[in-house]
PDB file of N, CA and C in Angstrom:
ATOM      1  N   UNK A   1      14.256 -19.466  -1.642  1.00  0.00           N
ATOM      2  CA  UNK A   1      14.102 -18.423  -2.905  1.00  0.00           C
ATOM      3  C   UNK A   1      13.933 -17.090  -1.753  1.00  0.00           C
ATOM      4  N   UNK A   2      14.752 -15.925  -2.593  1.00  0.00           N
ATOM      5  CA  UNK A   2      14.664 -14.808  -1.789  1.00  0.00           C
ATOM      6  C   UNK A   2      14.114 -13.860  -2.986  1.00  0.00           C
ATOM      7  N   UNK A   3      13.380 -12.790  -2.340  1.00  0.00           N
ATOM      8  CA  UNK A   3      12.348 -12.099  -3.310  1.00  0.00           C
ATOM      9  C   UNK A   3      12.849 -10.357  -2.795  1.00  0.00           C
ATOM     10  N   UNK A   4      12.913  -9.813  -3.379  1.00  0.00           N
ATOM     11  CA  UNK A   4      13.271  -8.039  -3.472  1.00  0.00           C
ATOM     12  C   UNK A   4      11.540  -7.607  -3.499  1.00  0.00           C
ATOM     13  N   UNK A   5      11.451  -6.354  -3.120  1.00  0.00           N
ATOM     14  CA  UNK A   5      10.449  -5.506  -3.079  1.00  0.00           C
ATOM     15  C   UNK A   5      10.819  -4.613  -3.864  1.00  0.00           C
ATOM     16  N   UNK A   6      10.160  -4.039  -4.842  1.00  0.00           N
ATOM     17  CA  UNK A   6      10.292  -3.269  -5.954  1.00  0.00           C
ATOM     18  C   UNK A   6       8.964  -2.193  -6.206  1.00  0.00           C
ATOM     19  N   UNK A   7       9.161  -1.010  -5.964  1.00  0.00           N
ATOM     20  CA  UNK A   7       8.083  -0.093  -6.018  1.00  0.00           C
ATOM     21  C   UNK A   7       7.828   0.298  -7.590  1.00  0.00           C
ATOM     22  N   UNK A   8       6.527   0.151  -7.677  1.00  0.00           N
ATOM     23  CA  UNK A   8       6.410   0.774  -9.386  1.00  0.00           C
ATOM     24  C   UNK A   8       5.545   1.665  -9.364  1.00  0.00           C
ATOM     25  N   UNK A   9       5.188   2.302 -10.493  1.00  0.00           N
ATOM     26  CA  UNK A   9       4.140   3.263 -10.858  1.00  0.00           C
ATOM     27  C   UNK A   9       3.049   2.609 -11.452  1.00  0.00           C
ATOM     28  N   UNK A  10       1.584   2.875 -11.115  1.00  0.00           N
ATOM     29  CA  UNK A  10       0.600   2.227 -11.376  1.00  0.00           C
ATOM     30  C   UNK A  10      -0.596   3.342 -12.070  1.00  0.00           C
ATOM     31  N   UNK A  11      -0.980   3.039 -13.169  1.00  0.00           N
ATOM     32  CA  UNK A  11      -2.192   3.799 -13.712  1.00  0.00           C
ATOM     33  C   UNK A  11      -3.244   3.055 -13.174  1.00  0.00           C
ATOM     34  N   UNK A  12      -4.008   3.391 -12.724  1.00  0.00           N
ATOM     35  CA  UNK A  12      -5.450   2.430 -12.340  1.00  0.00           C
ATOM     36  C   UNK A  12      -6.575   3.404 -12.594  1.00  0.00           C
ATOM     37  N   UNK A  13      -7.610   2.754 -12.972  1.00  0.00           N
ATOM     38  CA  UNK A  13      -9.223   2.783 -13.178  1.00  0.00           C
ATOM     39  C   UNK A  13      -9.781   2.979 -11.978  1.00  0.00           C
ATOM     40  N   UNK A  14     -10.731   3.875 -11.533  1.00  0.00           N
ATOM     41  CA  UNK A  14     -11.883   3.610 -10.468  1.00  0.00           C
ATOM     42  C   UNK A  14     -12.862   3.716 -10.796  1.00  0.00           C
ATOM     43  N   UNK A  15     -13.260   2.530 -10.465  1.00  0.00           N
ATOM     44  CA  UNK A  15     -14.698   1.834 -10.606  1.00  0.00           C
ATOM     45  C   UNK A  15     -15.974   3.036  -9.610  1.00  0.00           C
ATOM     46  N   UNK A  16     -17.070   2.889 -10.569  1.00  0.00           N
ATOM     47  CA  UNK A  16     -18.143   3.794 -10.390  1.00  0.00           C
ATOM     48  C   UNK A  16     -18.623   3.023  -8.510  1.00  0.00           C
ATOM     49  N   UNK A  17     -18.788   1.852  -8.878  1.00  0.00           N
ATOM     50  CA  UNK A  17     -19.312   0.699  -7.768  1.00  0.00           C
ATOM     51  C   UNK A  17     -18.401   0.856  -6.597  1.00  0.00           C
ATOM     52  N   UNK A  18     -16.981   1.244  -6.605  1.00  0.00           N
ATOM     53  CA  UNK A  18     -15.994   0.871  -5.725  1.00  0.00           C
ATOM     54  C   UNK A  18     -15.160   0.131  -6.061  1.00  0.00           C
ATOM     55  N   UNK A  19     -13.917   0.395  -5.641  1.00  0.00           N
ATOM     56  CA  UNK A  19     -12.935  -0.495  -6.134  1.00  0.00           C
ATOM     57  C   UNK A  19     -11.928   0.124  -7.061  1.00  0.00           C
ATOM     58  N   UNK A  20     -10.611  -0.367  -7.340  1.00  0.00           N
ATOM     59  CA  UNK A  20      -9.867   0.103  -8.504  1.00  0.00           C
ATOM     60  C   UNK A  20      -9.110  -1.239  -9.441  1.00  0.00           C
ATOM     61  N   UNK A  21      -8.807  -0.797 -10.615  1.00  0.00           N
ATOM     62  CA  UNK A  21      -7.875  -1.811 -11.268  1.00  0.00           C
ATOM     63  C   UNK A  21      -6.703  -1.313 -12.123  1.00  0.00           C
ATOM     64  N   UNK A  22      -6.031  -1.875 -11.776  1.00  0.00           N
ATOM     65  CA  UNK A  22      -4.750  -1.436 -12.577  1.00  0.00           C
ATOM     66  C   UNK A  22      -4.603  -1.387 -13.896  1.00  0.00           C
ATOM     67  N   UNK A  23      -4.388  -0.376 -14.960  1.00  0.00           N
ATOM     68  CA  UNK A  23      -4.426  -0.449 -15.935  1.00  0.00           C
ATOM     69  C   UNK A  23      -2.989  -0.889 -17.076  1.00  0.00           C
ATOM     70  N   UNK A  24      -2.024   0.115 -16.261  1.00  0.00           N
ATOM     71  CA  UNK A  24      -0.703  -0.132 -16.683  1.00  0.00           C
ATOM     72  C   UNK A  24       0.073  -0.271 -15.616  1.00  0.00           C
ATOM     73  N   UNK A  25       1.294  -0.973 -15.632  1.00  0.00           N
ATOM     74  CA  UNK A  25       2.764  -1.227 -14.611  1.00  0.00           C
ATOM     75  C   UNK A  25       3.288  -0.270 -15.413  1.00  0.00           C
ATOM     76  N   UNK A  26       4.266   1.019 -14.811  1.00  0.00           N
ATOM     77  CA  UNK A  26       5.026   1.820 -15.133  1.00  0.00           C
ATOM     78  C   UNK A  26       6.517   1.438 -14.513  1.00  0.00           C
ATOM     79  N   UNK A  27       7.631   0.898 -14.939  1.00  0.00           N
ATOM     80  CA  UNK A  27       8.684   0.224 -14.272  1.00  0.00           C
ATOM     81  C   UNK A  27       9.949   1.453 -14.254  1.00  0.00           C
ATOM     82  N   UNK A  28      10.671   0.843 -13.723  1.00  0.00           N
ATOM     83  CA  UNK A  28      11.529   2.019 -13.399  1.00  0.00           C
ATOM     84  C   UNK A  28      12.263   2.944 -14.371  1.00  0.00           C
ATOM     85  N   UNK A  29      12.578   2.181 -15.140  1.00  0.00           N
ATOM     86  CA  UNK A  29      12.808   2.451 -16.657  1.00  0.00           C
ATOM     87  C   UNK A  29      11.915   3.363 -17.406  1.00  0.00           C
ATOM     88  N   UNK A  30      10.547   3.555 -17.192  1.00  0.00           N
ATOM     89  CA  UNK A  30       9.643   4.296 -17.615  1.00  0.00           C
ATOM     90  C   UNK A  30       9.017   3.401 -18.627  1.00  0.00           C
ATOM     91  N   UNK A  31       9.428   2.429 -19.127  1.00  0.00           N
ATOM     92  CA  UNK A  31       8.618   1.175 -19.983  1.00  0.00           C
ATOM     93  C   UNK A  31       7.163   1.070 -19.307  1.00  0.00           C
ATOM     94  N   UNK A  32       6.214   0.852 -19.978  1.00  0.00           N
ATOM     95  CA  UNK A  32       4.745   1.038 -19.497  1.00  0.00           C
ATOM     96  C   UNK A  32       4.520  -0.714 -20.154  1.00  0.00           C
ATOM     97  N   UNK A  33       3.563  -1.323 -19.423  1.00  0.00           N
ATOM     98  CA  UNK A  33       3.217  -2.462 -19.415  1.00  0.00           C
ATOM     99  C   UNK A  33       1.623  -2.646 -19.392  1.00  0.00           C
ATOM    100  N   UNK A  34       1.066  -3.271 -20.393  1.00  0.00           N
ATOM    101  CA  UNK A  34      -0.666  -3.253 -20.413  1.00  0.00           C
ATOM    102  C   UNK A  34      -1.143  -4.117 -19.044  1.00  0.00           C
ATOM    103  N   UNK A  35      -1.823  -3.954 -18.370  1.00  0.00           N
ATOM    104  CA  UNK A  35      -2.666  -4.875 -17.651  1.00  0.00           C
ATOM    105  C   UNK A  35      -3.594  -5.745 -18.384  1.00  0.00           C
ATOM    106  N   UNK A  36      -3.457  -6.741 -18.983  1.00  0.00           N
ATOM    107  CA  UNK A  36      -4.634  -7.283 -19.859  1.00  0.00           C
ATOM    108  C   UNK A  36      -5.934  -7.703 -19.005  1.00  0.00           C
ATOM    109  N   UNK A  37      -5.726  -7.861 -17.862  1.00  0.00           N
ATOM    110  CA  UNK A  37      -6.827  -8.667 -17.433  1.00  0.00           C
ATOM    111  C   UNK A  37      -6.392  -9.099 -15.891  1.00  0.00           C
ATOM    112  N   UNK A  38      -7.367  -8.492 -14.761  1.00  0.00           N
ATOM    113  CA  UNK A  38      -7.253  -8.907 -13.495  1.00  0.00           C
ATOM    114  C   UNK A  38      -8.191 -10.385 -13.192  1.00  0.00           C
ATOM    115  N   UNK A  39      -7.185 -10.783 -12.578  1.00  0.00           N
ATOM    116  CA  UNK A  39      -8.168 -12.262 -12.517  1.00  0.00           C
ATOM    117  C   UNK A  39      -8.602 -12.555 -11.134  1.00  0.00           C
ATOM    118  N   UNK A  40      -7.855 -11.877  -9.657  1.00  0.00           N
ATOM    119  CA  UNK A  40      -8.436 -11.953  -8.673  1.00  0.00           C
ATOM    120  C   UNK A  40      -7.855 -10.827  -7.928  1.00  0.00           C
ATOM    121  N   UNK A  41      -8.521 -10.169  -7.131  1.00  0.00           N
ATOM    122  CA  UNK A  41      -8.491  -9.297  -6.038  1.00  0.00           C
ATOM    123  C   UNK A  41      -8.605  -9.604  -4.399  1.00  0.00           C
ATOM    124  N   UNK A  42      -7.196  -9.894  -3.644  1.00  0.00           N
ATOM    125  CA  UNK A  42      -7.520 -10.420  -2.370  1.00  0.00           C
ATOM    126  C   UNK A  42      -7.069 -10.002  -1.514  1.00  0.00           C
ATOM    127  N   UNK A  43      -6.955  -9.683  -0.091  1.00  0.00           N
ATOM    128  CA  UNK A  43      -5.845  -9.613   1.057  1.00  0.00           C
ATOM    129  C   UNK A  43      -4.902 -10.732   1.076  1.00  0.00           C
ATOM    130  N   UNK A  44      -3.953 -10.687   0.919  1.00  0.00           N
ATOM    131  CA  UNK A  44      -2.940 -11.644   1.101  1.00  0.00           C
ATOM    132  C   UNK A  44      -1.281 -11.538   1.244  1.00  0.00           C
ATOM    133  N   UNK A  45      -0.842 -12.109   1.866  1.00  0.00           N
ATOM    134  CA  UNK A  45       0.544 -12.075   2.502  1.00  0.00           C
ATOM    135  C   UNK A  45       1.405 -11.906   1.058  1.00  0.00           C
ATOM    136  N   UNK A  46       2.778 -11.201   1.114  1.00  0.00           N
ATOM    137  CA  UNK A  46       3.642 -11.064   0.148  1.00  0.00           C
ATOM    138  C   UNK A  46       4.796 -12.023   0.766  1.00  0.00           C
ATOM    139  N   UNK A  47       6.000 -12.121   0.013  1.00  0.00           N
ATOM    140  CA  UNK A  47       7.139 -12.885   0.373  1.00  0.00           C
ATOM    141  C   UNK A  47       8.276 -12.023   1.078  1.00  0.00           C
ATOM    142  N   UNK A  48       7.767 -10.738   0.640  1.00  0.00           N
ATOM    143  CA  UNK A  48       8.769  -9.682   1.055  1.00  0.00           C
ATOM    144  C   UNK A  48       7.807  -8.938   2.208  1.00  0.00           C
ATOM    145  N   UNK A  49       8.259  -8.469   3.552  1.00  0.00           N
ATOM    146  CA  UNK A  49       7.766  -7.666   4.348  1.00  0.00           C
ATOM    147  C   UNK A  49       7.050  -6.484   4.130  1.00  0.00           C
ATOM    148  N   UNK A  50       5.720  -6.508   4.524  1.00  0.00           N
ATOM    149  CA  UNK A  50       4.607  -5.613   4.239  1.00  0.00           C
ATOM    150  C   UNK A  50       3.208  -5.983   5.146  1.00  0.00           C
ATOM    151  N   UNK A  51       2.629  -5.162   5.533  1.00  0.00           N
ATOM    152  CA  UNK A  51       1.623  -5.306   6.206  1.00  0.00           C
ATOM    153  C   UNK A  51       0.298  -5.490   5.313  1.00  0.00           C
ATOM    154  N   UNK A  52      -0.082  -6.814   5.504  1.00  0.00           N
ATOM    155  CA  UNK A  52      -1.189  -7.315   4.651  1.00  0.00           C
ATOM    156  C   UNK A  52      -1.844  -6.613   3.491  1.00  0.00           C
ATOM    157  N   UNK A  53      -1.061  -6.564   2.425  1.00  0.00           N
ATOM    158  CA  UNK A  53      -1.349  -5.962   1.445  1.00  0.00           C
ATOM    159  C   UNK A  53      -2.646  -6.233   0.689  1.00  0.00           C
ATOM    160  N   UNK A  54      -3.071  -5.800  -0.559  1.00  0.00           N
ATOM    161  CA  UNK A  54      -4.072  -6.238  -1.133  1.00  0.00           C
ATOM    162  C   UNK A  54      -3.567  -6.732  -2.958  1.00  0.00           C
ATOM    163  N   UNK A  55      -3.538  -8.058  -3.012  1.00  0.00           N
ATOM    164  CA  UNK A  55      -2.655  -8.470  -3.999  1.00  0.00           C
ATOM    165  C   UNK A  55      -3.710  -8.678  -5.404  1.00  0.00           C
ATOM    166  N   UNK A  56      -3.421  -8.083  -6.328  1.00  0.00           N
ATOM    167  CA  UNK A  56      -3.825  -8.337  -7.725  1.00  0.00           C
ATOM    168  C   UNK A  56      -3.383  -9.137  -8.650  1.00  0.00           C
ATOM    169  N   UNK A  57      -4.069 -10.334  -8.824  1.00  0.00           N
ATOM    170  CA  UNK A  57      -3.496 -11.455  -9.941  1.00  0.00           C
ATOM    171  C   UNK A  57      -3.773 -11.012 -11.310  1.00  0.00           C
ATOM    172  N   UNK A  58      -2.793 -10.338 -12.116  1.00  0.00           N
ATOM    173  CA  UNK A  58      -3.218 -10.093 -13.043  1.00  0.00           C
ATOM    174  C   UNK A  58      -2.523 -10.753 -14.094  1.00  0.00           C
ATOM    175  N   UNK A  59      -3.208 -10.469 -15.685  1.00  0.00           N
ATOM    176  CA  UNK A  59      -2.465 -10.899 -16.809  1.00  0.00           C
ATOM    177  C   UNK A  59      -1.611  -9.782 -17.222  1.00  0.00           C
ATOM    178  N   UNK A  60      -0.293 -10.124 -17.546  1.00  0.00           N
ATOM    179  CA  UNK A  60       0.094  -8.639 -18.092  1.00  0.00           C
ATOM    180  C   UNK A  60       1.393  -9.375 -19.139  1.00  0.00           C
ATOM    181  N   UNK A  61       1.225  -8.614 -20.551  1.00  0.00           N
ATOM    182  CA  UNK A  61       1.916  -9.176 -21.413  1.00  0.00           C
ATOM    183  C   UNK A  61       1.855 -10.664 -21.857  1.00  0.00           C
ATOM    184  N   UNK A  62       0.382 -11.180 -21.389  1.00  0.00           N
ATOM    185  CA  UNK A  62       0.190 -12.626 -21.426  1.00  0.00           C
ATOM    186  C   UNK A  62       0.478 -13.617 -20.374  1.00  0.00           C
ATOM    187  N   UNK A  63       1.250 -13.015 -19.360  1.00  0.00           N
ATOM    188  CA  UNK A  63       1.749 -13.838 -18.191  1.00  0.00           C
ATOM    189  C   UNK A  63       1.130 -13.229 -17.145  1.00  0.00           C
ATOM    190  N   UNK A  64       1.257 -14.613 -16.040  1.00  0.00           N
ATOM    191  CA  UNK A  64       0.069 -13.999 -14.762  1.00  0.00           C
ATOM    192  C   UNK A  64       1.384 -13.390 -13.858  1.00  0.00           C
ATOM    193  N   UNK A  65       1.098 -12.166 -13.383  1.00  0.00           N
ATOM    194  CA  UNK A  65       2.010 -11.209 -12.479  1.00  0.00           C
ATOM    195  C   UNK A  65       0.959 -11.124 -11.276  1.00  0.00           C
ATOM    196  N   UNK A  66       1.573 -10.860 -10.073  1.00  0.00           N
ATOM    197  CA  UNK A  66       1.104 -10.408  -8.994  1.00  0.00           C
ATOM    198  C   UNK A  66       1.500  -8.926  -8.558  1.00  0.00           C
ATOM    199  N   UNK A  67       0.389  -8.090  -8.338  1.00  0.00           N
ATOM    200  CA  UNK A  67       0.826  -6.709  -8.115  1.00  0.00           C
ATOM    201  C   UNK A  67       0.081  -6.653  -6.820  1.00  0.00           C
ATOM    202  N   UNK A  68       1.154  -5.636  -5.741  1.00  0.00           N
ATOM    203  CA  UNK A  68       0.658  -5.545  -4.584  1.00  0.00           C
ATOM    204  C   UNK A  68       0.294  -4.127  -4.260  1.00  0.00           C
ATOM    205  N   UNK A  69      -0.700  -3.770  -3.389  1.00  0.00           N
ATOM    206  CA  UNK A  69      -0.927  -2.683  -3.146  1.00  0.00           C
ATOM    207  C   UNK A  69      -1.101  -2.289  -1.576  1.00  0.00           C
ATOM    208  N   UNK A  70      -0.236  -1.678  -0.940  1.00  0.00           N
ATOM    209  CA  UNK A  70       0.155  -1.036   0.521  1.00  0.00           C
ATOM    210  C   UNK A  70      -1.062  -0.053   0.595  1.00  0.00           C
ATOM    211  N   UNK A  71      -2.072  -0.588   1.139  1.00  0.00           N
ATOM    212  CA  UNK A  71      -3.333   0.579   1.690  1.00  0.00           C
ATOM    213  C   UNK A  71      -2.740   1.633   2.567  1.00  0.00           C
ATOM    214  N   UNK A  72      -2.041   1.566   3.618  1.00  0.00           N
ATOM    215  CA  UNK A  72      -1.582   2.221   4.411  1.00  0.00           C
ATOM    216  C   UNK A  72      -0.674   3.321   4.053  1.00  0.00           C
ATOM    217  N   UNK A  73       0.361   2.954   2.994  1.00  0.00           N
ATOM    218  CA  UNK A  73       1.460   3.378   2.397  1.00  0.00           C
ATOM    219  C   UNK A  73       0.957   4.159   0.953  1.00  0.00           C
ATOM    220  N   UNK A  74      -0.579   3.554   0.709  1.00  0.00           N
ATOM    221  CA  UNK A  74      -0.583   4.053  -0.754  1.00  0.00           C
ATOM    222  C   UNK A  74       0.142   3.680  -1.957  1.00  0.00           C
ATOM    223  N   UNK A  75       0.729   2.615  -1.887  1.00  0.00           N
ATOM    224  CA  UNK A  75       1.891   2.560  -2.841  1.00  0.00           C
ATOM    225  C   UNK A  75       1.752   0.898  -3.352  1.00  0.00           C
ATOM    226  N   UNK A  76       2.355   0.989  -4.613  1.00  0.00           N
ATOM    227  CA  UNK A  76       2.095  -0.594  -5.271  1.00  0.00           C
ATOM    228  C   UNK A  76       3.806  -1.140  -5.356  1.00  0.00           C
ATOM    229  N   UNK A  77       3.729  -2.249  -5.439  1.00  0.00           N
ATOM    230  CA  UNK A  77       5.012  -2.681  -5.579  1.00  0.00           C
ATOM    231  C   UNK A  77       4.756  -4.381  -5.959  1.00  0.00           C
ATOM    232  N   UNK A  78       6.001  -4.831  -6.650  1.00  0.00           N
ATOM    233  CA  UNK A  78       5.851  -6.262  -7.232  1.00  0.00           C
ATOM    234  C   UNK A  78       7.196  -6.867  -6.381  1.00  0.00           C
ATOM    235  N   UNK A  79       7.142  -7.988  -6.376  1.00  0.00           N
ATOM    236  CA  UNK A  79       8.176  -9.069  -6.083  1.00  0.00           C
ATOM    237  C   UNK A  79       9.141  -9.391  -7.169  1.00  0.00           C
ATOM    238  N   UNK A  80      10.372  -9.612  -6.865  1.00  0.00           N
ATOM    239  CA  UNK A  80      11.401 -10.066  -7.901  1.00  0.00           C
ATOM    240  C   UNK A  80      12.241 -10.914  -7.393  1.00  0.00           C
ATOM    241  N   UNK A  81      12.252 -12.001  -7.961  1.00  0.00           N
ATOM    242  CA  UNK A  81      12.810 -13.203  -7.125  1.00  0.00           C
ATOM    243  C   UNK A  81      14.595 -12.793  -7.274  1.00  0.00           C
ATOM    244  N   UNK A  82      15.050 -13.156  -6.559  1.00  0.00           N
ATOM    245  CA  UNK A  82      16.845 -12.984  -6.564  1.00  0.00           C
ATOM    246  C   UNK A  82      17.634 -14.084  -6.457  1.00  0.00           C
TER     247      UNK A  82
END
């Protein structure tokens, strides 16, 4: 299986006790998808090249999705199957 890295805009909430939580994913065409829930936050590799990002396993529109945050570049991406 092949994957492509697609950078996306994320609206996030910064927590008083530290950390952040994505609240919306804004796709390339401007469509917004609400993040209903964040299930897990962990450092985990992606299928596409990246220095060990922070993986947010989330529920978006009723489905489990993985959002990745590259701490060095300060940007978010998703993996798309090709």
